Amino acid sequence: MNPHFIALSALLLTGCTSMEPLYSYLGQGERVSAQTPGVAVTRAQPSRLESLSFFSSTRFAAGQAEPCARKLMQPPAQEPDNIHYVGADVLNAQGSIEAEKRELGILPSQYRIRFQLAELGQLNGTTYGFSQIRVARKDSLGLNNHDFTPIAPAGQTTQQVYRELRQLYQQLDACMAG
């Protein structure tokens, strides 16, 4: 008998509400952890995802960084002027992005990821740092809805957030490169 079928049947029969073990068992996607380059996790217990950083060889362009951030990120409702320069080579911004994912392959879920972004120009490129990362979730059945919360250092939500912020970094970098 197929081991995937057995694992799925066992999880469904036990009423398991978290699909992380099945997700890990089936090997879906890349695994992000505290050992992943650019990932920082708090030491406090329970540990949480503290920040993500990505590096690009694209040179920081102050004239492009702000328009790109305004185009690709949503500002927080309480602070429409969310982008500030610190000197000539650092951009700080608060923002959020939205993402959709299907839980169990069928239940659509909306994620809203909120963060603080720092783009730092260096001699050989630009570092994109995301901190104060929080996620809110809403699905059509209301099964696991929650407001903005910190993120565990590993798990399905962590994988989703990592992929979405990596994609945002790549879009910001491509935009800044022109």
C-alpha atoms as a PDB file:
ATOM      1  CA  MET A   1       0.000   0.000   0.000  1.00  0.00           C
ATOM      2  CA  ASN A   2       1.220   3.544  -0.801  1.00  0.00           C
ATOM      3  CA  PRO A   3       2.958   5.114   2.267  1.00  0.00           C
ATOM      4  CA  HIS A   4       1.630   8.594   1.327  1.00  0.00           C
ATOM      5  CA  PHE A   5      -1.930   7.266   1.412  1.00  0.00           C
ATOM      6  CA  ILE A   6      -1.339   5.605   4.788  1.00  0.00           C
ATOM      7  CA  ALA A   7       0.121   8.811   6.291  1.00  0.00           C
ATOM      8  CA  LEU A   8      -2.736  10.948   4.952  1.00  0.00           C
ATOM      9  CA  SER A   9      -5.364   8.477   6.186  1.00  0.00           C
ATOM     10  CA  ALA A  10      -3.816   8.340   9.660  1.00  0.00           C
ATOM     11  CA  LEU A  11      -3.710  12.118   9.949  1.00  0.00           C
ATOM     12  CA  LEU A  12      -7.291  12.546   8.768  1.00  0.00           C
ATOM     13  CA  LEU A  13      -8.595   9.812  11.076  1.00  0.00           C
ATOM     14  CA  THR A  14      -6.876  11.316  14.130  1.00  0.00           C
ATOM     15  CA  GLY A  15      -8.391  14.739  13.462  1.00  0.00           C
ATOM     16  CA  CYS A  16      -5.000  16.385  13.148  1.00  0.00           C
ATOM     17  CA  THR A  17      -5.419  20.146  12.677  1.00  0.00           C
ATOM     18  CA  SER A  18      -1.828  20.909  11.733  1.00  0.00           C
ATOM     19  CA  MET A  19      -0.631  19.673   8.372  1.00  0.00           C
ATOM     20  CA  GLU A  20       3.043  20.363   9.104  1.00  0.00           C
ATOM     21  CA  PRO A  21       3.954  16.676   9.652  1.00  0.00           C
ATOM     22  CA  LEU A  22       2.318  15.682   6.353  1.00  0.00           C
ATOM     23  CA  TYR A  23       3.914  18.672   4.644  1.00  0.00           C
ATOM     24  CA  SER A  24       7.337  17.567   5.913  1.00  0.00           C
ATOM     25  CA  TYR A  25       6.716  13.918   5.136  1.00  0.00           C
ATOM     26  CA  LEU A  26       5.760  14.543   1.536  1.00  0.00           C
ATOM     27  CA  GLY A  27       8.779  16.809   1.025  1.00  0.00           C
ATOM     28  CA  GLN A  28       6.833  19.768  -0.348  1.00  0.00           C
ATOM     29  CA  GLY A  29       9.216  22.595  -1.289  1.00  0.00           C
ATOM     30  CA  GLU A  30      12.338  23.867   0.354  1.00  0.00           C
ATOM     31  CA  ARG A  31      12.851  23.748   4.107  1.00  0.00           C
ATOM     32  CA  VAL A  32      13.722  26.982   5.888  1.00  0.00           C
ATOM     33  CA  SER A  33      15.250  26.845   9.359  1.00  0.00           C
ATOM     34  CA  ALA A  34      17.583  28.757  11.672  1.00  0.00           C
ATOM     35  CA  GLN A  35      20.479  27.261   9.673  1.00  0.00           C
ATOM     36  CA  THR A  36      19.278  28.750   6.372  1.00  0.00           C
ATOM     37  CA  PRO A  37      21.594  31.593   5.304  1.00  0.00           C
ATOM     38  CA  GLY A  38      19.983  34.972   6.023  1.00  0.00           C
ATOM     39  CA  VAL A  39      17.514  33.618   8.604  1.00  0.00           C
ATOM     40  CA  ALA A  40      17.717  34.896  12.192  1.00  0.00           C
ATOM     41  CA  VAL A  41      15.723  33.352  15.039  1.00  0.00           C
ATOM     42  CA  THR A  42      15.197  34.726  18.572  1.00  0.00           C
ATOM     43  CA  ARG A  43      16.837  32.988  21.528  1.00  0.00           C
ATOM     44  CA  ALA A  44      13.829  33.567  23.764  1.00  0.00           C
ATOM     45  CA  GLN A  45      11.429  30.665  24.174  1.00  0.00           C
ATOM     46  CA  PRO A  46       9.326  30.019  22.284  1.00  0.00           C
ATOM     47  CA  SER A  47      11.714  31.021  19.538  1.00  0.00           C
ATOM     48  CA  ARG A  48      10.394  33.108  16.662  1.00  0.00           C
ATOM     49  CA  LEU A  49      11.540  34.141  13.217  1.00  0.00           C
ATOM     50  CA  GLU A  50      13.350  37.438  13.861  1.00  0.00           C
ATOM     51  CA  SER A  51      14.537  38.511  10.415  1.00  0.00           C
ATOM     52  CA  LEU A  52      15.388  37.502   6.864  1.00  0.00           C
ATOM     53  CA  SER A  53      18.131  39.031   4.765  1.00  0.00           C
ATOM     54  CA  PHE A  54      19.042  38.670   1.125  1.00  0.00           C
ATOM     55  CA  PHE A  55      22.061  40.032  -0.744  1.00  0.00           C
ATOM     56  CA  SER A  56      22.266  41.137  -4.362  1.00  0.00           C
ATOM     57  CA  SER A  57      25.173  42.375  -6.463  1.00  0.00           C
ATOM     58  CA  THR A  58      22.885  45.143  -7.779  1.00  0.00           C
ATOM     59  CA  ARG A  59      24.209  48.536  -6.694  1.00  0.00           C
ATOM     60  CA  PHE A  60      21.925  50.537  -4.413  1.00  0.00           C
ATOM     61  CA  ALA A  61      20.261  53.352  -6.375  1.00  0.00           C
ATOM     62  CA  ALA A  62      18.597  55.858  -4.038  1.00  0.00           C
ATOM     63  CA  GLY A  63      16.617  57.379  -6.911  1.00  0.00           C
ATOM     64  CA  GLN A  64      15.072  53.982  -7.751  1.00  0.00           C
ATOM     65  CA  ALA A  65      14.734  52.403  -4.294  1.00  0.00           C
ATOM     66  CA  GLU A  66      11.829  54.525  -3.031  1.00  0.00           C
ATOM     67  CA  PRO A  67       9.658  54.378  -6.192  1.00  0.00           C
ATOM     68  CA  CYS A  68      10.197  50.616  -6.357  1.00  0.00           C
ATOM     69  CA  ALA A  69       9.198  50.139  -2.710  1.00  0.00           C
ATOM     70  CA  ARG A  70       6.077  52.286  -3.170  1.00  0.00           C
ATOM     71  CA  LYS A  71       5.092  50.262  -6.244  1.00  0.00           C
ATOM     72  CA  LEU A  72       5.629  46.787  -4.755  1.00  0.00           C
ATOM     73  CA  MET A  73       4.621  47.161  -1.080  1.00  0.00           C
ATOM     74  CA  GLN A  74       1.449  48.322   0.610  1.00  0.00           C
ATOM     75  CA  PRO A  75       1.967  51.008   3.282  1.00  0.00           C
ATOM     76  CA  PRO A  76       0.575  50.493   6.786  1.00  0.00           C
ATOM     77  CA  ALA A  77      -2.837  52.160   7.171  1.00  0.00           C
ATOM     78  CA  GLN A  78      -1.695  54.226  10.137  1.00  0.00           C
ATOM     79  CA  GLU A  79       1.468  55.541   8.443  1.00  0.00           C
ATOM     80  CA  PRO A  80       1.064  56.500   4.770  1.00  0.00           C
ATOM     81  CA  ASP A  81       4.554  58.100   4.722  1.00  0.00           C
ATOM     82  CA  ASN A  82       6.248  54.791   5.471  1.00  0.00           C
ATOM     83  CA  ILE A  83       9.540  55.179   3.571  1.00  0.00           C
ATOM     84  CA  HIS A  84      12.541  57.080   4.906  1.00  0.00           C
ATOM     85  CA  TYR A  85      16.178  57.411   3.876  1.00  0.00           C
ATOM     86  CA  VAL A  86      18.966  57.208   6.422  1.00  0.00           C
ATOM     87  CA  GLY A  87      21.884  58.875   4.707  1.00  0.00           C
ATOM     88  CA  ALA A  88      22.466  58.286   1.016  1.00  0.00           C
ATOM     89  CA  ASP A  89      22.630  54.493   1.084  1.00  0.00           C
ATOM     90  CA  VAL A  90      19.951  53.161   3.472  1.00  0.00           C
ATOM     91  CA  LEU A  91      16.224  53.010   2.858  1.00  0.00           C
ATOM     92  CA  ASN A  92      13.862  52.066   5.721  1.00  0.00           C
ATOM     93  CA  ALA A  93      10.246  51.205   5.019  1.00  0.00           C
ATOM     94  CA  GLN A  94       7.299  49.627   6.760  1.00  0.00           C
ATOM     95  CA  GLY A  95       5.031  47.645   4.536  1.00  0.00           C
ATOM     96  CA  SER A  96       3.021  44.568   3.847  1.00  0.00           C
ATOM     97  CA  ILE A  97       2.207  42.205   1.028  1.00  0.00           C
ATOM     98  CA  GLU A  98      -0.643  39.794   0.445  1.00  0.00           C
ATOM     99  CA  ALA A  99      -0.370  36.191  -0.640  1.00  0.00           C
ATOM    100  CA  GLU A 100      -2.778  33.360  -1.335  1.00  0.00           C
ATOM    101  CA  LYS A 101      -2.213  29.716  -0.614  1.00  0.00           C
ATOM    102  CA  ARG A 102      -4.374  26.615  -0.748  1.00  0.00           C
ATOM    103  CA  GLU A 103      -4.453  24.582   2.458  1.00  0.00           C
ATOM    104  CA  LEU A 104      -4.647  20.837   1.786  1.00  0.00           C
ATOM    105  CA  GLY A 105      -4.718  21.771  -1.883  1.00  0.00           C
ATOM    106  CA  ILE A 106      -8.350  22.904  -1.758  1.00  0.00           C
ATOM    107  CA  LEU A 107      -9.051  25.543   0.921  1.00  0.00           C
ATOM    108  CA  PRO A 108      -7.948  29.030  -0.260  1.00  0.00           C
ATOM    109  CA  SER A 109      -6.269  31.077   2.464  1.00  0.00           C
ATOM    110  CA  GLN A 110      -5.288  34.732   2.360  1.00  0.00           C
ATOM    111  CA  TYR A 111      -2.062  35.746   4.089  1.00  0.00           C
ATOM    112  CA  ARG A 112      -1.020  39.282   4.888  1.00  0.00           C
ATOM    113  CA  ILE A 113       2.663  39.637   5.760  1.00  0.00           C
ATOM    114  CA  ARG A 114       3.736  42.804   7.611  1.00  0.00           C
ATOM    115  CA  PHE A 115       7.396  43.770   8.020  1.00  0.00           C
ATOM    116  CA  GLN A 116      10.067  46.435   8.345  1.00  0.00           C
ATOM    117  CA  LEU A 117      12.387  46.605   5.309  1.00  0.00           C
ATOM    118  CA  ALA A 118      15.909  48.016   5.311  1.00  0.00           C
ATOM    119  CA  GLU A 119      17.782  48.261   2.016  1.00  0.00           C
ATOM    120  CA  LEU A 120      21.472  48.871   2.651  1.00  0.00           C
ATOM    121  CA  GLY A 121      23.858  49.894  -0.114  1.00  0.00           C
ATOM    122  CA  GLN A 122      27.289  48.303   0.140  1.00  0.00           C
ATOM    123  CA  LEU A 123      30.414  48.513  -1.991  1.00  0.00           C
ATOM    124  CA  ASN A 124      29.620  45.288  -3.829  1.00  0.00           C
ATOM    125  CA  GLY A 125      25.800  45.372  -3.877  1.00  0.00           C
ATOM    126  CA  THR A 126      22.682  45.762  -1.754  1.00  0.00           C
ATOM    127  CA  THR A 127      21.412  43.929   1.313  1.00  0.00           C
ATOM    128  CA  TYR A 128      17.644  43.630   1.754  1.00  0.00           C
ATOM    129  CA  GLY A 129      16.710  42.989   5.382  1.00  0.00           C
ATOM    130  CA  PHE A 130      13.202  42.140   6.582  1.00  0.00           C
ATOM    131  CA  SER A 131      12.520  42.372  10.326  1.00  0.00           C
ATOM    132  CA  GLN A 132       9.525  42.663  12.671  1.00  0.00           C
ATOM    133  CA  ILE A 133       7.838  40.065  10.454  1.00  0.00           C
ATOM    134  CA  ARG A 134       4.250  39.210  11.370  1.00  0.00           C
ATOM    135  CA  VAL A 135       1.576  37.285   9.510  1.00  0.00           C
ATOM    136  CA  ALA A 136      -2.225  37.328   9.554  1.00  0.00           C
ATOM    137  CA  ARG A 137      -4.341  34.590   7.987  1.00  0.00           C
ATOM    138  CA  LYS A 138      -7.914  34.304   6.797  1.00  0.00           C
ATOM    139  CA  ASP A 139      -9.648  31.421   5.065  1.00  0.00           C
ATOM    140  CA  SER A 140     -13.166  31.165   3.691  1.00  0.00           C
ATOM    141  CA  LEU A 141     -14.290  28.653   6.347  1.00  0.00           C
ATOM    142  CA  GLY A 142     -12.827  30.591   9.291  1.00  0.00           C
ATOM    143  CA  LEU A 143     -10.948  27.523  10.532  1.00  0.00           C
ATOM    144  CA  ASN A 144      -7.596  29.071  11.416  1.00  0.00           C
ATOM    145  CA  ASN A 145      -8.036  32.831  11.085  1.00  0.00           C
ATOM    146  CA  HIS A 146      -5.803  35.078  13.173  1.00  0.00           C
ATOM    147  CA  ASP A 147      -4.577  38.648  13.354  1.00  0.00           C
ATOM    148  CA  PHE A 148      -0.885  39.550  13.007  1.00  0.00           C
ATOM    149  CA  THR A 149       1.269  37.186  15.054  1.00  0.00           C
ATOM    150  CA  PRO A 150       4.983  36.341  15.237  1.00  0.00           C
ATOM    151  CA  ILE A 151       6.147  33.387  13.172  1.00  0.00           C
ATOM    152  CA  ALA A 152       7.672  30.139  14.405  1.00  0.00           C
ATOM    153  CA  PRO A 153      11.237  29.476  13.156  1.00  0.00           C
ATOM    154  CA  ALA A 154      10.071  26.500  11.090  1.00  0.00           C
ATOM    155  CA  GLY A 155       6.826  25.232   9.656  1.00  0.00           C
ATOM    156  CA  GLN A 156       4.501  25.676   6.720  1.00  0.00           C
ATOM    157  CA  THR A 157       3.769  29.348   7.476  1.00  0.00           C
ATOM    158  CA  THR A 158       7.494  30.058   7.769  1.00  0.00           C
ATOM    159  CA  GLN A 159       8.064  28.459   4.366  1.00  0.00           C
ATOM    160  CA  GLN A 160       5.276  30.573   2.862  1.00  0.00           C
ATOM    161  CA  VAL A 161       6.595  33.816   4.387  1.00  0.00           C
ATOM    162  CA  TYR A 162      10.157  33.055   3.283  1.00  0.00           C
ATOM    163  CA  ARG A 163       9.061  32.402  -0.313  1.00  0.00           C
ATOM    164  CA  GLU A 164       6.917  35.541  -0.451  1.00  0.00           C
ATOM    165  CA  LEU A 165       9.592  37.837   1.006  1.00  0.00           C
ATOM    166  CA  ARG A 166      12.265  36.300  -1.231  1.00  0.00           C
ATOM    167  CA  GLN A 167      10.019  37.007  -4.220  1.00  0.00           C
ATOM    168  CA  LEU A 168       9.493  40.598  -3.024  1.00  0.00           C
ATOM    169  CA  TYR A 169      13.263  41.057  -2.621  1.00  0.00           C
ATOM    170  CA  GLN A 170      13.790  39.776  -6.178  1.00  0.00           C
ATOM    171  CA  GLN A 171      11.135  42.161  -7.523  1.00  0.00           C
ATOM    172  CA  LEU A 172      12.606  45.124  -5.603  1.00  0.00           C
ATOM    173  CA  ASP A 173      16.086  44.248  -6.851  1.00  0.00           C
ATOM    174  CA  ALA A 174      14.972  43.907 -10.483  1.00  0.00           C
ATOM    175  CA  CYS A 175      13.101  47.210 -10.241  1.00  0.00           C
ATOM    176  CA  MET A 176      16.107  49.007  -8.736  1.00  0.00           C
ATOM    177  CA  ALA A 177      18.385  47.560 -11.443  1.00  0.00           C
ATOM    178  CA  GLY A 178      16.109  49.217 -13.998  1.00  0.00           C
END
